[in-house]
Amino acid sequence: MRIEEGDKDASGQDKRSAGVRSMNSVLSTLRVFEEVALRQPIGVSELSRVTHIPKSSAQRCLVTLQQAGWLRVVDPEHARWGVTMKALTLGLRGAGEQDLREVAGPVIKRLAAETDETVQLGLRDGEDYVIVAREDSTHVVRVFLDIGTRLPLQATSAGVAIMARLGAAEVDQLLRRELEEFAEFPMPDSDELRQEIARTAERGYALNISSSWYRPHVSSIAAAVTNPVGQPIAALTLSMPEIRYDSAREKDLAQLVIAAADEISRLISSA
């Protein structure tokens, strides 16, 4: 088959044009992701306005990012979008868990010294809570969990503190998880957890002083750690044996935990 010179030029131009369109599409998708992260929750009309991307193109970018697991609809009633925990978790891991420990380390040590109880910092990873830093109590009898321990959000006061800062739809999804591996423990059911999440949201901290959790005879107070846009990405927990818990000190200890968690949130935002 004979190909004229003009056909070669046209084919080359078509390929170059396709390459330019593909690159523009990638850049538009990245721009959409950046704006959602900065302005969430945000609808497609506002997104189109701030990015100067046609509404139909912005919608395609949103769907692409949703399919890849980076974005989700956080307000179905108004069709507003936000980033997923995949993006938030990867962002923290990109900075490195070691960096997070270095940022939060002095705060954790100070809280442990002020209370002489064990302090743990953990990250939310999807439906789980993963401990990444710990400062132990000096008491002989103390609470101990290994660094790297992974637990369901429903099983810990830290998880409740995190869920108290989430939207109702996301909490509903998390509470659907069956905790078969914890069947032997007297875990609270979904209704009890919802009540505890509501109480936590009202008072600003989660409290576990009952035996109806996966670790009986352990009391704990936890507060969420948030990112720059207020989403919970981690939690700080003060843990002690139940025999050493004093209800008269609850509010004082809780204020210390909240202040420390808020300080870590500010440090993460400015890092």
Protein backbone atom coordinates (compact mmCIF):
# COMPACT_ATOMS: atom_id res chain seq x y z
CA MET A 1 0.00 0.00 0.00
CA ARG A 2 1.39 3.38 -0.98
CA ILE A 3 1.32 6.21 1.55
CA GLU A 4 1.62 9.76 0.35
CA GLU A 5 3.85 12.22 2.23
CA GLY A 6 0.86 14.32 3.14
CA ASP A 7 -0.78 11.30 4.79
CA LYS A 8 2.30 10.81 6.98
CA ASP A 9 2.15 14.44 8.11
CA ALA A 10 -1.54 14.20 8.84
CA SER A 11 -1.02 10.99 10.86
CA GLY A 12 1.78 12.60 12.86
CA GLN A 13 -0.32 15.66 13.57
CA ASP A 14 -3.21 13.48 14.70
CA LYS A 15 -0.94 11.64 17.13
CA ARG A 16 0.47 14.87 18.47
CA SER A 17 -3.02 16.30 18.86
CA ALA A 18 -4.17 13.17 20.67
CA GLY A 19 -1.16 13.42 22.97
CA VAL A 20 -1.92 17.05 23.77
CA ARG A 21 -5.58 16.24 24.48
CA SER A 22 -4.55 13.36 26.75
CA MET A 23 -2.13 15.57 28.68
CA ASN A 24 -4.75 18.31 29.02
CA SER A 25 -7.18 15.73 30.36
CA VAL A 26 -4.65 14.57 32.96
CA LEU A 27 -3.93 18.16 34.02
CA SER A 28 -7.64 18.92 34.29
CA THR A 29 -8.20 15.84 36.45
CA LEU A 30 -5.35 16.80 38.75
CA ARG A 31 -6.69 20.36 38.98
CA VAL A 32 -10.12 19.03 39.93
CA PHE A 33 -8.59 16.81 42.61
CA GLU A 34 -6.62 19.74 44.08
CA GLU A 35 -9.67 21.99 44.23
CA VAL A 36 -11.87 19.32 45.82
CA ALA A 37 -9.19 18.72 48.47
CA LEU A 38 -9.00 22.45 49.22
CA ARG A 39 -12.72 23.31 49.06
CA GLN A 40 -14.53 20.12 50.07
CA PRO A 41 -17.39 19.54 50.18
CA ILE A 42 -17.91 21.06 46.74
CA GLY A 43 -20.44 20.60 43.93
CA VAL A 44 -19.71 20.35 40.23
CA SER A 45 -21.09 23.82 39.42
CA GLU A 46 -18.80 25.57 41.89
CA LEU A 47 -15.93 23.34 40.79
CA SER A 48 -16.47 24.34 37.16
CA ARG A 49 -16.52 28.00 38.14
CA VAL A 50 -13.28 27.99 40.16
CA THR A 51 -11.34 25.80 37.72
CA HIS A 52 -12.74 27.33 34.50
CA ILE A 53 -13.30 23.78 33.29
CA PRO A 54 -16.63 23.09 31.50
CA LYS A 55 -19.17 21.50 33.79
CA SER A 56 -19.41 18.32 31.71
CA SER A 57 -15.63 17.92 31.72
CA ALA A 58 -15.43 18.57 35.46
CA GLN A 59 -18.07 15.89 36.03
CA ARG A 60 -16.06 13.39 33.98
CA CYS A 61 -12.97 14.20 36.05
CA LEU A 62 -14.92 13.64 39.27
CA VAL A 63 -16.22 10.28 38.09
CA THR A 64 -12.73 9.20 37.00
CA LEU A 65 -11.28 10.10 40.40
CA GLN A 66 -14.19 8.36 42.13
CA GLN A 67 -13.59 5.17 40.15
CA ALA A 68 -9.90 5.32 41.10
CA GLY A 69 -10.84 5.63 44.78
CA TRP A 70 -9.62 9.19 45.36
CA LEU A 71 -12.94 11.04 45.61
CA ARG A 72 -16.41 10.25 46.90
CA VAL A 73 -19.79 11.94 47.20
CA VAL A 74 -19.91 13.21 50.80
CA ASP A 75 -23.26 15.01 50.52
CA PRO A 76 -25.60 12.94 48.31
CA GLU A 77 -28.51 15.35 48.80
CA HIS A 78 -26.58 18.26 47.23
CA ALA A 79 -24.17 16.14 45.12
CA ARG A 80 -21.08 17.54 46.79
CA TRP A 81 -17.71 15.83 46.67
CA GLY A 82 -14.76 15.24 49.00
CA VAL A 83 -11.55 13.25 49.13
CA THR A 84 -11.44 9.68 50.44
CA MET A 85 -9.31 8.29 53.23
CA LYS A 86 -7.14 6.73 50.52
CA ALA A 87 -5.92 10.20 49.62
CA LEU A 88 -5.53 11.33 53.23
CA THR A 89 -3.76 8.18 54.37
CA LEU A 90 -1.40 8.20 51.41
CA GLY A 91 -0.63 11.84 52.10
CA LEU A 92 0.44 11.02 55.64
CA ARG A 93 2.42 8.01 54.51
CA GLY A 94 4.06 10.11 51.85
CA ALA A 95 5.33 12.36 54.61
CA GLY A 96 6.20 9.18 56.49
CA GLU A 97 4.97 7.70 59.73
CA GLN A 98 8.42 8.46 61.13
CA ASP A 99 7.85 12.16 60.40
CA LEU A 100 4.48 11.98 62.14
CA ARG A 101 6.07 10.40 65.20
CA GLU A 102 8.71 13.11 65.24
CA VAL A 103 6.08 15.85 65.01
CA ALA A 104 3.80 14.34 67.64
CA GLY A 105 6.47 12.77 69.86
CA PRO A 106 7.06 15.72 72.24
CA VAL A 107 3.31 16.20 72.71
CA ILE A 108 2.79 12.52 73.49
CA LYS A 109 5.68 12.47 75.96
CA ARG A 110 4.35 15.57 77.73
CA LEU A 111 0.83 14.15 78.07
CA ALA A 112 2.22 10.89 79.45
CA ALA A 113 4.36 12.83 81.95
CA GLU A 114 1.41 14.99 83.03
CA THR A 115 -0.87 12.01 83.65
CA ASP A 116 1.58 9.14 84.26
CA GLU A 117 -0.62 6.95 82.06
CA THR A 118 0.00 5.34 78.68
CA VAL A 119 -0.58 7.53 75.62
CA GLN A 120 -1.08 6.14 72.11
CA LEU A 121 -1.29 7.84 68.74
CA GLY A 122 -2.93 5.96 65.89
CA LEU A 123 -3.87 6.61 62.28
CA ARG A 124 -7.16 5.82 60.66
CA ASP A 125 -6.67 3.36 57.79
CA GLY A 126 -10.05 2.76 56.18
CA GLU A 127 -12.14 0.84 58.71
CA ASP A 128 -9.20 0.34 61.05
CA TYR A 129 -7.13 2.20 63.60
CA VAL A 130 -3.35 1.55 63.54
CA ILE A 131 -1.11 2.52 66.45
CA VAL A 132 2.01 4.35 65.24
CA ALA A 133 3.40 5.86 68.47
CA ARG A 134 3.21 5.15 72.19
CA GLU A 135 4.58 6.53 75.46
CA ASP A 136 4.23 4.17 78.41
CA SER A 137 3.16 4.87 81.96
CA THR A 138 5.76 4.40 84.70
CA HIS A 139 3.30 2.31 86.72
CA VAL A 140 4.06 -1.39 86.98
CA VAL A 141 0.44 -2.17 86.08
CA ARG A 142 -0.25 -0.34 82.83
CA VAL A 143 -1.97 -0.66 79.46
CA PHE A 144 0.23 -1.97 76.67
CA LEU A 145 -0.35 -2.32 72.93
CA ASP A 146 2.39 -2.95 70.37
CA ILE A 147 3.24 -0.32 67.77
CA GLY A 148 1.57 -1.47 64.57
CA THR A 149 -1.45 -2.99 66.33
CA ARG A 150 -4.46 -2.77 63.99
CA LEU A 151 -7.97 -2.65 65.40
CA PRO A 152 -11.44 -1.96 63.99
CA LEU A 153 -12.67 1.58 64.61
CA GLN A 154 -15.72 0.17 66.44
CA ALA A 155 -13.49 -1.58 68.98
CA THR A 156 -11.71 1.44 70.45
CA SER A 157 -12.42 4.79 72.04
CA ALA A 158 -10.02 6.26 69.47
CA GLY A 159 -12.22 4.90 66.71
CA VAL A 160 -15.31 6.39 68.33
CA ALA A 161 -13.53 9.77 68.58
CA ILE A 162 -12.76 9.55 64.86
CA MET A 163 -16.29 8.48 63.88
CA ALA A 164 -17.75 11.35 65.91
CA ARG A 165 -16.15 13.72 63.40
CA LEU A 166 -17.47 11.91 60.31
CA GLY A 167 -20.70 12.33 58.36
CA ALA A 168 -23.69 10.12 59.15
CA ALA A 169 -23.51 8.21 55.86
CA GLU A 170 -19.87 7.25 56.43
CA VAL A 171 -20.56 6.20 60.02
CA ASP A 172 -23.44 4.02 58.81
CA GLN A 173 -21.11 2.31 56.36
CA LEU A 174 -18.45 1.71 59.02
CA LEU A 175 -20.94 0.25 61.48
CA ARG A 176 -22.06 -2.35 58.94
CA ARG A 177 -18.76 -4.15 59.40
CA GLU A 178 -19.09 -7.51 61.13
CA LEU A 179 -16.46 -8.02 63.82
CA GLU A 180 -16.26 -11.80 63.72
CA GLU A 181 -12.72 -11.82 65.10
CA PHE A 182 -14.03 -10.10 68.24
CA ALA A 183 -17.04 -12.37 68.77
CA GLU A 184 -15.64 -13.61 72.10
CA PHE A 185 -15.54 -10.08 73.52
CA PRO A 186 -18.57 -8.20 74.91
CA MET A 187 -18.52 -5.52 72.21
CA PRO A 188 -21.22 -2.80 72.12
CA ASP A 189 -23.78 -3.25 69.35
CA SER A 190 -24.47 -0.70 66.59
CA ASP A 191 -27.17 1.14 68.54
CA GLU A 192 -24.92 1.48 71.59
CA LEU A 193 -22.09 2.70 69.40
CA ARG A 194 -24.33 5.30 67.75
CA GLN A 195 -25.29 6.61 71.18
CA GLU A 196 -21.64 6.75 72.24
CA ILE A 197 -20.66 8.51 68.99
CA ALA A 198 -23.36 11.12 69.63
CA ARG A 199 -22.18 11.65 73.22
CA THR A 200 -18.59 11.94 71.99
CA ALA A 201 -19.53 14.54 69.40
CA GLU A 202 -21.30 16.57 72.08
CA ARG A 203 -18.56 16.53 74.73
CA GLY A 204 -15.54 16.52 72.39
CA TYR A 205 -13.90 13.27 73.53
CA ALA A 206 -14.59 9.55 73.60
CA LEU A 207 -14.76 7.70 76.88
CA ASN A 208 -14.47 3.98 77.58
CA ILE A 209 -15.07 3.11 81.22
CA SER A 210 -17.20 -0.02 80.79
CA SER A 211 -16.36 -3.67 80.30
CA SER A 212 -18.35 -3.90 77.05
CA TRP A 213 -15.33 -3.42 74.78
CA TYR A 214 -12.76 -5.78 73.38
CA ARG A 215 -10.34 -5.10 76.28
CA PRO A 216 -12.25 -5.42 79.57
CA HIS A 217 -10.86 -3.63 82.63
CA VAL A 218 -9.21 -0.91 80.54
CA SER A 219 -10.41 2.69 80.68
CA SER A 220 -9.52 5.26 78.05
CA ILE A 221 -10.12 8.81 76.90
CA ALA A 222 -9.57 9.70 73.25
CA ALA A 223 -9.74 12.76 71.00
CA ALA A 224 -9.51 13.03 67.24
CA VAL A 225 -6.57 14.51 65.35
CA THR A 226 -7.62 16.37 62.21
CA ASN A 227 -6.11 17.58 58.95
CA PRO A 228 -6.17 21.23 57.77
CA VAL A 229 -9.79 20.94 56.57
CA GLY A 230 -11.04 19.39 59.80
CA GLN A 231 -11.28 15.75 58.76
CA PRO A 232 -10.27 13.15 61.36
CA ILE A 233 -7.15 11.29 60.27
CA ALA A 234 -5.88 9.98 63.61
CA ALA A 235 -6.64 9.92 67.32
CA LEU A 236 -4.80 10.33 70.60
CA THR A 237 -5.69 8.01 73.48
CA LEU A 238 -4.95 8.09 77.19
CA SER A 239 -5.28 4.54 78.55
CA MET A 240 -5.19 3.17 82.07
CA PRO A 241 -6.27 0.08 84.04
CA GLU A 242 -9.89 0.34 85.16
CA ILE A 243 -8.82 0.13 88.81
CA ARG A 244 -6.93 3.41 88.42
CA TYR A 245 -9.68 5.35 86.66
CA ASP A 246 -11.08 8.19 88.78
CA SER A 247 -14.32 9.73 87.50
CA ALA A 248 -13.58 12.89 89.49
CA ARG A 249 -10.57 13.48 87.21
CA GLU A 250 -12.36 12.70 83.96
CA LYS A 251 -12.91 16.26 82.75
CA ASP A 252 -9.42 17.39 83.71
CA LEU A 253 -7.82 14.45 81.92
CA ALA A 254 -10.11 14.90 78.93
CA GLN A 255 -9.08 18.54 78.56
CA LEU A 256 -5.43 17.49 78.54
CA VAL A 257 -6.11 14.88 75.84
CA ILE A 258 -8.13 17.32 73.70
CA ALA A 259 -5.46 20.01 74.01
CA ALA A 260 -2.74 17.55 73.00
CA ALA A 261 -4.75 16.24 70.03
CA ASP A 262 -5.45 19.80 68.88
CA GLU A 263 -1.76 20.64 69.16
CA ILE A 264 -0.81 17.65 67.02
CA SER A 265 -3.45 18.71 64.46
CA ARG A 266 -1.86 22.16 64.25
CA LEU A 267 1.63 20.70 63.95
CA ILE A 268 0.55 18.38 61.13
CA SER A 269 -1.08 21.29 59.30
CA SER A 270 2.03 23.43 59.56
CA ALA A 271 4.55 20.68 58.80
